[in-house]
Amino acid sequence: MLLTGDYKMTNDAVLEAIEVAKATGKIRKGSNEVTKSIEKGEAKLVAFAKDTDPKEIIMHIPMLCKEKGIPCFEIDTKEELGGAAGIAVGTSAVAIVVEGDAKAHIEKLK
């Protein structure tokens, strides 16, 4: 859901925000956990992987985020997203639920 700016820069900024929130706040990983955090209004920022297969796993996430006014970003690969979330495998989606030191990163991305 990129509106303006350089895609690569935004992609890196989203991944950095996730890494910072993982270290100093709290994140949720996987489409089910992310969906729950969006529905409860806990998510501050959401990222999902473009290469998720089947697409049905994540296709509801951008619409839910728009409904709730949560910034939502598409990342190229599950591996990039999993790496930023601190796990050794790819993940289809990540939500930042407690910003920690990532608050400024999230504000810049809004």
PDB file of N, CA and C in Angstrom:
ATOM      1  N   MET A   1       0.834  -1.160   0.000  1.00  0.00           N
ATOM      2  CA  MET A   1       0.000   0.000   0.000  1.00  0.00           C
ATOM      3  C   MET A   1       0.898   1.248   0.000  1.00  0.00           C
ATOM      4  N   LEU A   2       1.794   1.282  -0.947  1.00  0.00           N
ATOM      5  CA  LEU A   2       2.714   2.410  -1.022  1.00  0.00           C
ATOM      6  C   LEU A   2       2.067   3.562  -1.751  1.00  0.00           C
ATOM      7  N   LEU A   3       2.136   4.720  -1.163  1.00  0.00           N
ATOM      8  CA  LEU A   3       1.503   5.877  -1.775  1.00  0.00           C
ATOM      9  C   LEU A   3       2.520   6.721  -2.522  1.00  0.00           C
ATOM     10  N   THR A   4       3.641   7.032  -1.876  1.00  0.00           N
ATOM     11  CA  THR A   4       4.666   7.853  -2.505  1.00  0.00           C
ATOM     12  C   THR A   4       6.031   7.366  -2.070  1.00  0.00           C
ATOM     13  N   GLY A   5       7.062   7.928  -2.675  1.00  0.00           N
ATOM     14  CA  GLY A   5       8.421   7.640  -2.220  1.00  0.00           C
ATOM     15  C   GLY A   5       9.043   6.442  -2.904  1.00  0.00           C
ATOM     16  N   ASP A   6      10.275   6.234  -2.572  1.00  0.00           N
ATOM     17  CA  ASP A   6      11.064   5.168  -3.155  1.00  0.00           C
ATOM     18  C   ASP A   6      10.720   3.843  -2.489  1.00  0.00           C
ATOM     19  N   TYR A   7      10.353   2.842  -3.310  1.00  0.00           N
ATOM     20  CA  TYR A   7       9.916   1.549  -2.788  1.00  0.00           C
ATOM     21  C   TYR A   7      10.987   0.886  -1.930  1.00  0.00           C
ATOM     22  N   LYS A   8      12.203   0.826  -2.419  1.00  0.00           N
ATOM     23  CA  LYS A   8      13.288   0.156  -1.707  1.00  0.00           C
ATOM     24  C   LYS A   8      13.526   0.806  -0.343  1.00  0.00           C
ATOM     25  N   MET A   9      13.502   2.135  -0.309  1.00  0.00           N
ATOM     26  CA  MET A   9      13.713   2.860   0.935  1.00  0.00           C
ATOM     27  C   MET A   9      12.591   2.543   1.935  1.00  0.00           C
ATOM     28  N   THR A  10      11.360   2.516   1.462  1.00  0.00           N
ATOM     29  CA  THR A  10      10.223   2.212   2.317  1.00  0.00           C
ATOM     30  C   THR A  10      10.302   0.774   2.804  1.00  0.00           C
ATOM     31  N   ASN A  11      10.630  -0.154   1.902  1.00  0.00           N
ATOM     32  CA  ASN A  11      10.775  -1.561   2.237  1.00  0.00           C
ATOM     33  C   ASN A  11      11.786  -1.726   3.379  1.00  0.00           C
ATOM     34  N   ASP A  12      12.945  -1.099   3.236  1.00  0.00           N
ATOM     35  CA  ASP A  12      13.993  -1.182   4.260  1.00  0.00           C
ATOM     36  C   ASP A  12      13.537  -0.546   5.566  1.00  0.00           C
ATOM     37  N   ALA A  13      12.826   0.573   5.482  1.00  0.00           N
ATOM     38  CA  ALA A  13      12.350   1.267   6.676  1.00  0.00           C
ATOM     39  C   ALA A  13      11.340   0.411   7.448  1.00  0.00           C
ATOM     40  N   VAL A  14      10.468  -0.294   6.724  1.00  0.00           N
ATOM     41  CA  VAL A  14       9.480  -1.174   7.361  1.00  0.00           C
ATOM     42  C   VAL A  14      10.201  -2.319   8.070  1.00  0.00           C
ATOM     43  N   LEU A  15      11.170  -2.939   7.384  1.00  0.00           N
ATOM     44  CA  LEU A  15      11.920  -4.041   7.984  1.00  0.00           C
ATOM     45  C   LEU A  15      12.700  -3.569   9.210  1.00  0.00           C
ATOM     46  N   GLU A  16      13.258  -2.382   9.132  1.00  0.00           N
ATOM     47  CA  GLU A  16      13.996  -1.824  10.272  1.00  0.00           C
ATOM     48  C   GLU A  16      13.060  -1.567  11.452  1.00  0.00           C
ATOM     49  N   ALA A  17      11.883  -1.032  11.183  1.00  0.00           N
ATOM     50  CA  ALA A  17      10.896  -0.790  12.244  1.00  0.00           C
ATOM     51  C   ALA A  17      10.527  -2.099  12.940  1.00  0.00           C
ATOM     52  N   ILE A  18      10.370  -3.171  12.161  1.00  0.00           N
ATOM     53  CA  ILE A  18      10.037  -4.484  12.730  1.00  0.00           C
ATOM     54  C   ILE A  18      11.183  -4.982  13.607  1.00  0.00           C
ATOM     55  N   GLU A  19      12.421  -4.836  13.123  1.00  0.00           N
ATOM     56  CA  GLU A  19      13.584  -5.277  13.905  1.00  0.00           C
ATOM     57  C   GLU A  19      13.672  -4.521  15.230  1.00  0.00           C
ATOM     58  N   VAL A  20      13.474  -3.209  15.186  1.00  0.00           N
ATOM     59  CA  VAL A  20      13.544  -2.378  16.401  1.00  0.00           C
ATOM     60  C   VAL A  20      12.421  -2.758  17.364  1.00  0.00           C
ATOM     61  N   ALA A  21      11.210  -2.944  16.836  1.00  0.00           N
ATOM     62  CA  ALA A  21      10.071  -3.313  17.684  1.00  0.00           C
ATOM     63  C   ALA A  21      10.270  -4.702  18.296  1.00  0.00           C
ATOM     64  N   LYS A  22      10.882  -5.605  17.541  1.00  0.00           N
ATOM     65  CA  LYS A  22      11.160  -6.951  18.067  1.00  0.00           C
ATOM     66  C   LYS A  22      12.080  -6.856  19.272  1.00  0.00           C
ATOM     67  N   ALA A  23      13.083  -5.978  19.195  1.00  0.00           N
ATOM     68  CA  ALA A  23      14.078  -5.842  20.255  1.00  0.00           C
ATOM     69  C   ALA A  23      13.562  -5.051  21.465  1.00  0.00           C
ATOM     70  N   THR A  24      12.704  -4.054  21.219  1.00  0.00           N
ATOM     71  CA  THR A  24      12.331  -3.151  22.316  1.00  0.00           C
ATOM     72  C   THR A  24      10.828  -3.109  22.598  1.00  0.00           C
ATOM     73  N   GLY A  25      10.044  -3.762  21.777  1.00  0.00           N
ATOM     74  CA  GLY A  25       8.589  -3.757  21.958  1.00  0.00           C
ATOM     75  C   GLY A  25       8.048  -5.162  21.843  1.00  0.00           C
ATOM     76  N   LYS A  26       7.016  -5.318  21.013  1.00  0.00           N
ATOM     77  CA  LYS A  26       6.397  -6.631  20.845  1.00  0.00           C
ATOM     78  C   LYS A  26       5.830  -6.744  19.435  1.00  0.00           C
ATOM     79  N   ILE A  27       6.051  -7.901  18.809  1.00  0.00           N
ATOM     80  CA  ILE A  27       5.506  -8.146  17.473  1.00  0.00           C
ATOM     81  C   ILE A  27       4.719  -9.452  17.472  1.00  0.00           C
ATOM     82  N   ARG A  28       3.878  -9.598  16.476  1.00  0.00           N
ATOM     83  CA  ARG A  28       3.144 -10.850  16.237  1.00  0.00           C
ATOM     84  C   ARG A  28       3.549 -11.336  14.847  1.00  0.00           C
ATOM     85  N   LYS A  29       3.701 -12.664  14.720  1.00  0.00           N
ATOM     86  CA  LYS A  29       4.140 -13.251  13.459  1.00  0.00           C
ATOM     87  C   LYS A  29       3.110 -14.251  12.949  1.00  0.00           C
ATOM     88  N   GLY A  30       2.954 -14.299  11.619  1.00  0.00           N
ATOM     89  CA  GLY A  30       2.028 -15.235  10.996  1.00  0.00           C
ATOM     90  C   GLY A  30       0.675 -14.597  10.731  1.00  0.00           C
ATOM     91  N   SER A  31       0.023 -15.029   9.670  1.00  0.00           N
ATOM     92  CA  SER A  31      -1.221 -14.372   9.249  1.00  0.00           C
ATOM     93  C   SER A  31      -2.326 -14.462  10.295  1.00  0.00           C
ATOM     94  N   ASN A  32      -2.432 -15.572  11.027  1.00  0.00           N
ATOM     95  CA  ASN A  32      -3.490 -15.692  12.035  1.00  0.00           C
ATOM     96  C   ASN A  32      -3.276 -14.729  13.195  1.00  0.00           C
ATOM     97  N   GLU A  33      -2.054 -14.683  13.726  1.00  0.00           N
ATOM     98  CA  GLU A  33      -1.732 -13.777  14.834  1.00  0.00           C
ATOM     99  C   GLU A  33      -1.900 -12.320  14.405  1.00  0.00           C
ATOM    100  N   VAL A  34      -1.445 -12.011  13.182  1.00  0.00           N
ATOM    101  CA  VAL A  34      -1.547 -10.640  12.668  1.00  0.00           C
ATOM    102  C   VAL A  34      -3.012 -10.249  12.500  1.00  0.00           C
ATOM    103  N   THR A  35      -3.816 -11.145  11.943  1.00  0.00           N
ATOM    104  CA  THR A  35      -5.243 -10.876  11.763  1.00  0.00           C
ATOM    105  C   THR A  35      -5.907 -10.577  13.101  1.00  0.00           C
ATOM    106  N   LYS A  36      -5.596 -11.387  14.122  1.00  0.00           N
ATOM    107  CA  LYS A  36      -6.165 -11.166  15.459  1.00  0.00           C
ATOM    108  C   LYS A  36      -5.752  -9.801  16.004  1.00  0.00           C
ATOM    109  N   SER A  37      -4.482  -9.438  15.832  1.00  0.00           N
ATOM    110  CA  SER A  37      -4.007  -8.160  16.383  1.00  0.00           C
ATOM    111  C   SER A  37      -4.648  -6.968  15.658  1.00  0.00           C
ATOM    112  N   ILE A  38      -4.949  -7.127  14.371  1.00  0.00           N
ATOM    113  CA  ILE A  38      -5.637  -6.064  13.618  1.00  0.00           C
ATOM    114  C   ILE A  38      -7.074  -5.939  14.128  1.00  0.00           C
ATOM    115  N   GLU A  39      -7.754  -7.077  14.232  1.00  0.00           N
ATOM    116  CA  GLU A  39      -9.156  -7.075  14.657  1.00  0.00           C
ATOM    117  C   GLU A  39      -9.333  -6.507  16.065  1.00  0.00           C
ATOM    118  N   LYS A  40      -8.352  -6.763  16.948  1.00  0.00           N
ATOM    119  CA  LYS A  40      -8.416  -6.252  18.326  1.00  0.00           C
ATOM    120  C   LYS A  40      -7.975  -4.791  18.409  1.00  0.00           C
ATOM    121  N   GLY A  41      -7.460  -4.261  17.304  1.00  0.00           N
ATOM    122  CA  GLY A  41      -6.997  -2.877  17.293  1.00  0.00           C
ATOM    123  C   GLY A  41      -5.641  -2.696  17.968  1.00  0.00           C
ATOM    124  N   GLU A  42      -4.892  -3.782  18.125  1.00  0.00           N
ATOM    125  CA  GLU A  42      -3.582  -3.721  18.785  1.00  0.00           C
ATOM    126  C   GLU A  42      -2.454  -3.363  17.825  1.00  0.00           C
ATOM    127  N   ALA A  43      -2.605  -3.703  16.551  1.00  0.00           N
ATOM    128  CA  ALA A  43      -1.522  -3.510  15.576  1.00  0.00           C
ATOM    129  C   ALA A  43      -1.260  -2.034  15.321  1.00  0.00           C
ATOM    130  N   LYS A  44       0.015  -1.655  15.335  1.00  0.00           N
ATOM    131  CA  LYS A  44       0.427  -0.270  15.046  1.00  0.00           C
ATOM    132  C   LYS A  44       0.940  -0.161  13.611  1.00  0.00           C
ATOM    133  N   LEU A  45       1.471  -1.276  13.089  1.00  0.00           N
ATOM    134  CA  LEU A  45       1.968  -1.348  11.714  1.00  0.00           C
ATOM    135  C   LEU A  45       1.927  -2.812  11.300  1.00  0.00           C
ATOM    136  N   VAL A  46       1.568  -3.060  10.051  1.00  0.00           N
ATOM    137  CA  VAL A  46       1.486  -4.428   9.533  1.00  0.00           C
ATOM    138  C   VAL A  46       2.277  -4.527   8.243  1.00  0.00           C
ATOM    139  N   ALA A  47       2.983  -5.647   8.086  1.00  0.00           N
ATOM    140  CA  ALA A  47       3.681  -5.940   6.834  1.00  0.00           C
ATOM    141  C   ALA A  47       3.336  -7.367   6.434  1.00  0.00           C
ATOM    142  N   PHE A  48       3.151  -7.573   5.134  1.00  0.00           N
ATOM    143  CA  PHE A  48       2.871  -8.918   4.636  1.00  0.00           C
ATOM    144  C   PHE A  48       3.762  -9.201   3.439  1.00  0.00           C
ATOM    145  N   ALA A  49       4.000 -10.494   3.167  1.00  0.00           N
ATOM    146  CA  ALA A  49       4.918 -10.893   2.109  1.00  0.00           C
ATOM    147  C   ALA A  49       4.197 -11.095   0.782  1.00  0.00           C
ATOM    148  N   LYS A  50       4.760 -10.474  -0.253  1.00  0.00           N
ATOM    149  CA  LYS A  50       4.205 -10.566  -1.599  1.00  0.00           C
ATOM    150  C   LYS A  50       4.220 -12.002  -2.129  1.00  0.00           C
ATOM    151  N   ASP A  51       5.255 -12.796  -1.725  1.00  0.00           N
ATOM    152  CA  ASP A  51       5.407 -14.149  -2.267  1.00  0.00           C
ATOM    153  C   ASP A  51       4.661 -15.224  -1.468  1.00  0.00           C
ATOM    154  N   THR A  52       3.713 -14.824  -0.632  1.00  0.00           N
ATOM    155  CA  THR A  52       2.906 -15.790   0.120  1.00  0.00           C
ATOM    156  C   THR A  52       2.054 -16.594  -0.854  1.00  0.00           C
ATOM    157  N   ASP A  53       2.038 -17.910  -0.659  1.00  0.00           N
ATOM    158  CA  ASP A  53       1.275 -18.786  -1.538  1.00  0.00           C
ATOM    159  C   ASP A  53       0.569 -19.822  -0.674  1.00  0.00           C
ATOM    160  N   PRO A  54      -0.724 -20.004  -0.764  1.00  0.00           N
ATOM    161  CA  PRO A  54      -1.656 -19.280  -1.638  1.00  0.00           C
ATOM    162  C   PRO A  54      -1.948 -17.870  -1.107  1.00  0.00           C
ATOM    163  N   LYS A  55      -2.287 -16.995  -2.017  1.00  0.00           N
ATOM    164  CA  LYS A  55      -2.561 -15.585  -1.705  1.00  0.00           C
ATOM    165  C   LYS A  55      -3.721 -15.411  -0.707  1.00  0.00           C
ATOM    166  N   GLU A  56      -4.618 -16.390  -0.669  1.00  0.00           N
ATOM    167  CA  GLU A  56      -5.789 -16.311   0.202  1.00  0.00           C
ATOM    168  C   GLU A  56      -5.396 -16.147   1.667  1.00  0.00           C
ATOM    169  N   ILE A  57      -4.197 -16.602   2.016  1.00  0.00           N
ATOM    170  CA  ILE A  57      -3.728 -16.529   3.402  1.00  0.00           C
ATOM    171  C   ILE A  57      -3.632 -15.081   3.873  1.00  0.00           C
ATOM    172  N   ILE A  58      -3.253 -14.175   2.970  1.00  0.00           N
ATOM    173  CA  ILE A  58      -3.007 -12.785   3.372  1.00  0.00           C
ATOM    174  C   ILE A  58      -3.894 -11.755   2.677  1.00  0.00           C
ATOM    175  N   MET A  59      -4.704 -12.167   1.720  1.00  0.00           N
ATOM    176  CA  MET A  59      -5.422 -11.179   0.907  1.00  0.00           C
ATOM    177  C   MET A  59      -6.395 -10.315   1.703  1.00  0.00           C
ATOM    178  N   HIS A  60      -6.836 -10.753   2.872  1.00  0.00           N
ATOM    179  CA  HIS A  60      -7.759  -9.968   3.701  1.00  0.00           C
ATOM    180  C   HIS A  60      -7.030  -8.899   4.527  1.00  0.00           C
ATOM    181  N   ILE A  61      -5.720  -9.063   4.726  1.00  0.00           N
ATOM    182  CA  ILE A  61      -4.964  -8.192   5.636  1.00  0.00           C
ATOM    183  C   ILE A  61      -4.975  -6.717   5.202  1.00  0.00           C
ATOM    184  N   PRO A  62      -4.647  -6.381   3.939  1.00  0.00           N
ATOM    185  CA  PRO A  62      -4.674  -4.961   3.563  1.00  0.00           C
ATOM    186  C   PRO A  62      -6.050  -4.309   3.747  1.00  0.00           C
ATOM    187  N   MET A  63      -7.110  -5.060   3.455  1.00  0.00           N
ATOM    188  CA  MET A  63      -8.464  -4.509   3.601  1.00  0.00           C
ATOM    189  C   MET A  63      -8.802  -4.264   5.074  1.00  0.00           C
ATOM    190  N   LEU A  64      -8.430  -5.213   5.935  1.00  0.00           N
ATOM    191  CA  LEU A  64      -8.668  -5.045   7.373  1.00  0.00           C
ATOM    192  C   LEU A  64      -7.909  -3.835   7.908  1.00  0.00           C
ATOM    193  N   CYS A  65      -6.660  -3.691   7.475  1.00  0.00           N
ATOM    194  CA  CYS A  65      -5.836  -2.562   7.923  1.00  0.00           C
ATOM    195  C   CYS A  65      -6.451  -1.232   7.496  1.00  0.00           C
ATOM    196  N   LYS A  66      -6.930  -1.187   6.261  1.00  0.00           N
ATOM    197  CA  LYS A  66      -7.534   0.045   5.751  1.00  0.00           C
ATOM    198  C   LYS A  66      -8.762   0.409   6.589  1.00  0.00           C
ATOM    199  N   GLU A  67      -9.571  -0.612   6.895  1.00  0.00           N
ATOM    200  CA  GLU A  67     -10.766  -0.440   7.705  1.00  0.00           C
ATOM    201  C   GLU A  67     -10.437   0.145   9.084  1.00  0.00           C
ATOM    202  N   LYS A  68      -9.337  -0.333   9.668  1.00  0.00           N
ATOM    203  CA  LYS A  68      -8.953   0.060  11.034  1.00  0.00           C
ATOM    204  C   LYS A  68      -7.972   1.242  11.061  1.00  0.00           C
ATOM    205  N   GLY A  69      -7.538   1.708   9.873  1.00  0.00           N
ATOM    206  CA  GLY A  69      -6.610   2.833   9.814  1.00  0.00           C
ATOM    207  C   GLY A  69      -5.195   2.485  10.253  1.00  0.00           C
ATOM    208  N   ILE A  70      -4.777   1.255   9.988  1.00  0.00           N
ATOM    209  CA  ILE A  70      -3.443   0.786  10.377  1.00  0.00           C
ATOM    210  C   ILE A  70      -2.536   0.813   9.149  1.00  0.00           C
ATOM    211  N   PRO A  71      -1.329   1.412   9.260  1.00  0.00           N
ATOM    212  CA  PRO A  71      -0.406   1.399   8.113  1.00  0.00           C
ATOM    213  C   PRO A  71      -0.056  -0.039   7.732  1.00  0.00           C
ATOM    214  N   CYS A  72      -0.127  -0.329   6.442  1.00  0.00           N
ATOM    215  CA  CYS A  72       0.087  -1.688   5.943  1.00  0.00           C
ATOM    216  C   CYS A  72       1.025  -1.642   4.749  1.00  0.00           C
ATOM    217  N   PHE A  73       2.037  -2.528   4.744  1.00  0.00           N
ATOM    218  CA  PHE A  73       3.045  -2.517   3.692  1.00  0.00           C
ATOM    219  C   PHE A  73       3.288  -3.914   3.142  1.00  0.00           C
ATOM    220  N   GLU A  74       3.569  -3.976   1.855  1.00  0.00           N
ATOM    221  CA  GLU A  74       3.906  -5.236   1.187  1.00  0.00           C
ATOM    222  C   GLU A  74       5.424  -5.340   1.099  1.00  0.00           C
ATOM    223  N   ILE A  75       5.962  -6.469   1.553  1.00  0.00           N
ATOM    224  CA  ILE A  75       7.394  -6.754   1.503  1.00  0.00           C
ATOM    225  C   ILE A  75       7.598  -7.849   0.455  1.00  0.00           C
ATOM    226  N   ASP A  76       8.725  -7.821  -0.235  1.00  0.00           N
ATOM    227  CA  ASP A  76       8.952  -8.758  -1.340  1.00  0.00           C
ATOM    228  C   ASP A  76       8.877 -10.236  -0.962  1.00  0.00           C
ATOM    229  N   THR A  77       9.591 -10.622   0.104  1.00  0.00           N
ATOM    230  CA  THR A  77       9.671 -12.065   0.402  1.00  0.00           C
ATOM    231  C   THR A  77       9.369 -12.385   1.867  1.00  0.00           C
ATOM    232  N   LYS A  78       8.908 -13.624   2.067  1.00  0.00           N
ATOM    233  CA  LYS A  78       8.643 -14.125   3.415  1.00  0.00           C
ATOM    234  C   LYS A  78       9.949 -14.203   4.206  1.00  0.00           C
ATOM    235  N   GLU A  79      11.048 -14.504   3.502  1.00  0.00           N
ATOM    236  CA  GLU A  79      12.349 -14.623   4.161  1.00  0.00           C
ATOM    237  C   GLU A  79      12.796 -13.284   4.751  1.00  0.00           C
ATOM    238  N   GLU A  80      12.620 -12.194   3.984  1.00  0.00           N
ATOM    239  CA  GLU A  80      12.964 -10.861   4.487  1.00  0.00           C
ATOM    240  C   GLU A  80      12.152 -10.542   5.737  1.00  0.00           C
ATOM    241  N   LEU A  81      10.870 -10.860   5.683  1.00  0.00           N
ATOM    242  CA  LEU A  81       9.968 -10.573   6.795  1.00  0.00           C
ATOM    243  C   LEU A  81      10.333 -11.424   8.014  1.00  0.00           C
ATOM    244  N   GLY A  82      10.603 -12.694   7.777  1.00  0.00           N
ATOM    245  CA  GLY A  82      11.006 -13.585   8.871  1.00  0.00           C
ATOM    246  C   GLY A  82      12.318 -13.146   9.498  1.00  0.00           C
ATOM    247  N   GLY A  83      13.259 -12.716   8.653  1.00  0.00           N
ATOM    248  CA  GLY A  83      14.552 -12.235   9.144  1.00  0.00           C
ATOM    249  C   GLY A  83      14.395 -11.022  10.034  1.00  0.00           C
ATOM    250  N   ALA A  84      13.562 -10.077   9.610  1.00  0.00           N
ATOM    251  CA  ALA A  84      13.316  -8.866  10.405  1.00  0.00           C
ATOM    252  C   ALA A  84      12.625  -9.219  11.720  1.00  0.00           C
ATOM    253  N   ALA A  85      11.796 -10.271  11.694  1.00  0.00           N
ATOM    254  CA  ALA A  85      11.070 -10.697  12.895  1.00  0.00           C
ATOM    255  C   ALA A  85      11.932 -11.571  13.802  1.00  0.00           C
ATOM    256  N   GLY A  86      13.150 -11.868  13.346  1.00  0.00           N
ATOM    257  CA  GLY A  86      14.075 -12.634  14.177  1.00  0.00           C
ATOM    258  C   GLY A  86      13.849 -14.131  14.179  1.00  0.00           C
ATOM    259  N   ILE A  87      13.233 -14.640  13.115  1.00  0.00           N
ATOM    260  CA  ILE A  87      13.038 -16.089  13.027  1.00  0.00           C
ATOM    261  C   ILE A  87      13.776 -16.639  11.806  1.00  0.00           C
ATOM    262  N   ALA A  88      14.159 -17.908  11.882  1.00  0.00           N
ATOM    263  CA  ALA A  88      14.994 -18.519  10.849  1.00  0.00           C
ATOM    264  C   ALA A  88      14.215 -18.946   9.608  1.00  0.00           C
ATOM    265  N   VAL A  89      12.900 -18.840   9.664  1.00  0.00           N
ATOM    266  CA  VAL A  89      12.066 -19.214   8.513  1.00  0.00           C
ATOM    267  C   VAL A  89      11.274 -17.999   8.049  1.00  0.00           C
ATOM    268  N   GLY A  90      10.724 -18.093   6.862  1.00  0.00           N
ATOM    269  CA  GLY A  90       9.908 -16.998   6.348  1.00  0.00           C
ATOM    270  C   GLY A  90       8.572 -16.938   7.068  1.00  0.00           C
ATOM    271  N   THR A  91       7.959 -15.768   7.050  1.00  0.00           N
ATOM    272  CA  THR A  91       6.617 -15.616   7.614  1.00  0.00           C
ATOM    273  C   THR A  91       5.773 -14.776   6.656  1.00  0.00           C
ATOM    274  N   SER A  92       4.497 -15.067   6.603  1.00  0.00           N
ATOM    275  CA  SER A  92       3.617 -14.386   5.653  1.00  0.00           C
ATOM    276  C   SER A  92       3.244 -12.976   6.090  1.00  0.00           C
ATOM    277  N   ALA A  93       3.255 -12.735   7.410  1.00  0.00           N
ATOM    278  CA  ALA A  93       2.861 -11.416   7.908  1.00  0.00           C
ATOM    279  C   ALA A  93       3.451 -11.153   9.288  1.00  0.00           C
ATOM    280  N   VAL A  94       3.646  -9.861   9.573  1.00  0.00           N
ATOM    281  CA  VAL A  94       4.143  -9.424  10.884  1.00  0.00           C
ATOM    282  C   VAL A  94       3.368  -8.167  11.274  1.00  0.00           C
ATOM    283  N   ALA A  95       3.015  -8.084  12.549  1.00  0.00           N
ATOM    284  CA  ALA A  95       2.377  -6.881  13.079  1.00  0.00           C
ATOM    285  C   ALA A  95       3.195  -6.383  14.263  1.00  0.00           C
ATOM    286  N   ILE A  96       3.404  -5.079  14.316  1.00  0.00           N
ATOM    287  CA  ILE A  96       4.003  -4.469  15.500  1.00  0.00           C
ATOM    288  C   ILE A  96       2.843  -4.121  16.422  1.00  0.00           C
ATOM    289  N   VAL A  97       2.843  -4.686  17.643  1.00  0.00           N
ATOM    290  CA  VAL A  97       1.751  -4.417  18.579  1.00  0.00           C
ATOM    291  C   VAL A  97       2.176  -3.494  19.727  1.00  0.00           C
ATOM    292  N   VAL A  98       3.455  -3.527  20.087  1.00  0.00           N
ATOM    293  CA  VAL A  98       4.014  -2.566  21.040  1.00  0.00           C
ATOM    294  C   VAL A  98       5.236  -1.973  20.359  1.00  0.00           C
ATOM    295  N   GLU A  99       5.208  -0.660  20.114  1.00  0.00           N
ATOM    296  CA  GLU A  99       6.240  -0.035  19.293  1.00  0.00           C
ATOM    297  C   GLU A  99       7.632  -0.059  19.907  1.00  0.00           C
ATOM    298  N   GLY A 100       7.738   0.120  21.219  1.00  0.00           N
ATOM    299  CA  GLY A 100       9.052   0.258  21.836  1.00  0.00           C
ATOM    300  C   GLY A 100       9.769   1.444  21.204  1.00  0.00           C
ATOM    301  N   ASP A 101      11.036   1.270  20.849  1.00  0.00           N
ATOM    302  CA  ASP A 101      11.820   2.342  20.229  1.00  0.00           C
ATOM    303  C   ASP A 101      11.486   2.551  18.751  1.00  0.00           C
ATOM    304  N   ALA A 102      10.558   1.759  18.194  1.00  0.00           N
ATOM    305  CA  ALA A 102      10.199   1.874  16.775  1.00  0.00           C
ATOM    306  C   ALA A 102       9.122   2.936  16.528  1.00  0.00           C
ATOM    307  N   LYS A 103       8.688   3.612  17.587  1.00  0.00           N
ATOM    308  CA  LYS A 103       7.611   4.598  17.440  1.00  0.00           C
ATOM    309  C   LYS A 103       7.919   5.660  16.385  1.00  0.00           C
ATOM    310  N   ALA A 104       9.148   6.194  16.409  1.00  0.00           N
ATOM    311  CA  ALA A 104       9.553   7.227  15.437  1.00  0.00           C
ATOM    312  C   ALA A 104       9.580   6.648  14.023  1.00  0.00           C
ATOM    313  N   HIS A 105      10.033   5.386  13.886  1.00  0.00           N
ATOM    314  CA  HIS A 105      10.066   4.728  12.568  1.00  0.00           C
ATOM    315  C   HIS A 105       8.648   4.633  12.003  1.00  0.00           C
ATOM    316  N   ILE A 106       7.713   4.247  12.836  1.00  0.00           N
ATOM    317  CA  ILE A 106       6.327   4.071  12.394  1.00  0.00           C
ATOM    318  C   ILE A 106       5.732   5.431  11.988  1.00  0.00           C
ATOM    319  N   GLU A 107       6.001   6.460  12.771  1.00  0.00           N
ATOM    320  CA  GLU A 107       5.490   7.799  12.447  1.00  0.00           C
ATOM    321  C   GLU A 107       5.975   8.257  11.077  1.00  0.00           C
ATOM    322  N   LYS A 108       7.262   7.994  10.754  1.00  0.00           N
ATOM    323  CA  LYS A 108       7.820   8.375   9.459  1.00  0.00           C
ATOM    324  C   LYS A 108       7.143   7.639   8.317  1.00  0.00           C
ATOM    325  N   LEU A 109       6.738   6.394   8.566  1.00  0.00           N
ATOM    326  CA  LEU A 109       6.130   5.569   7.522  1.00  0.00           C
ATOM    327  C   LEU A 109       4.661   5.916   7.267  1.00  0.00           C
ATOM    328  N   LYS A 110       4.012   6.573   8.228  1.00  0.00           N
ATOM    329  CA  LYS A 110       2.566   6.859   8.090  1.00  0.00           C
ATOM    330  C   LYS A 110       2.286   7.772   6.957  1.00  0.00           C
TER     331      LYS A 110
END
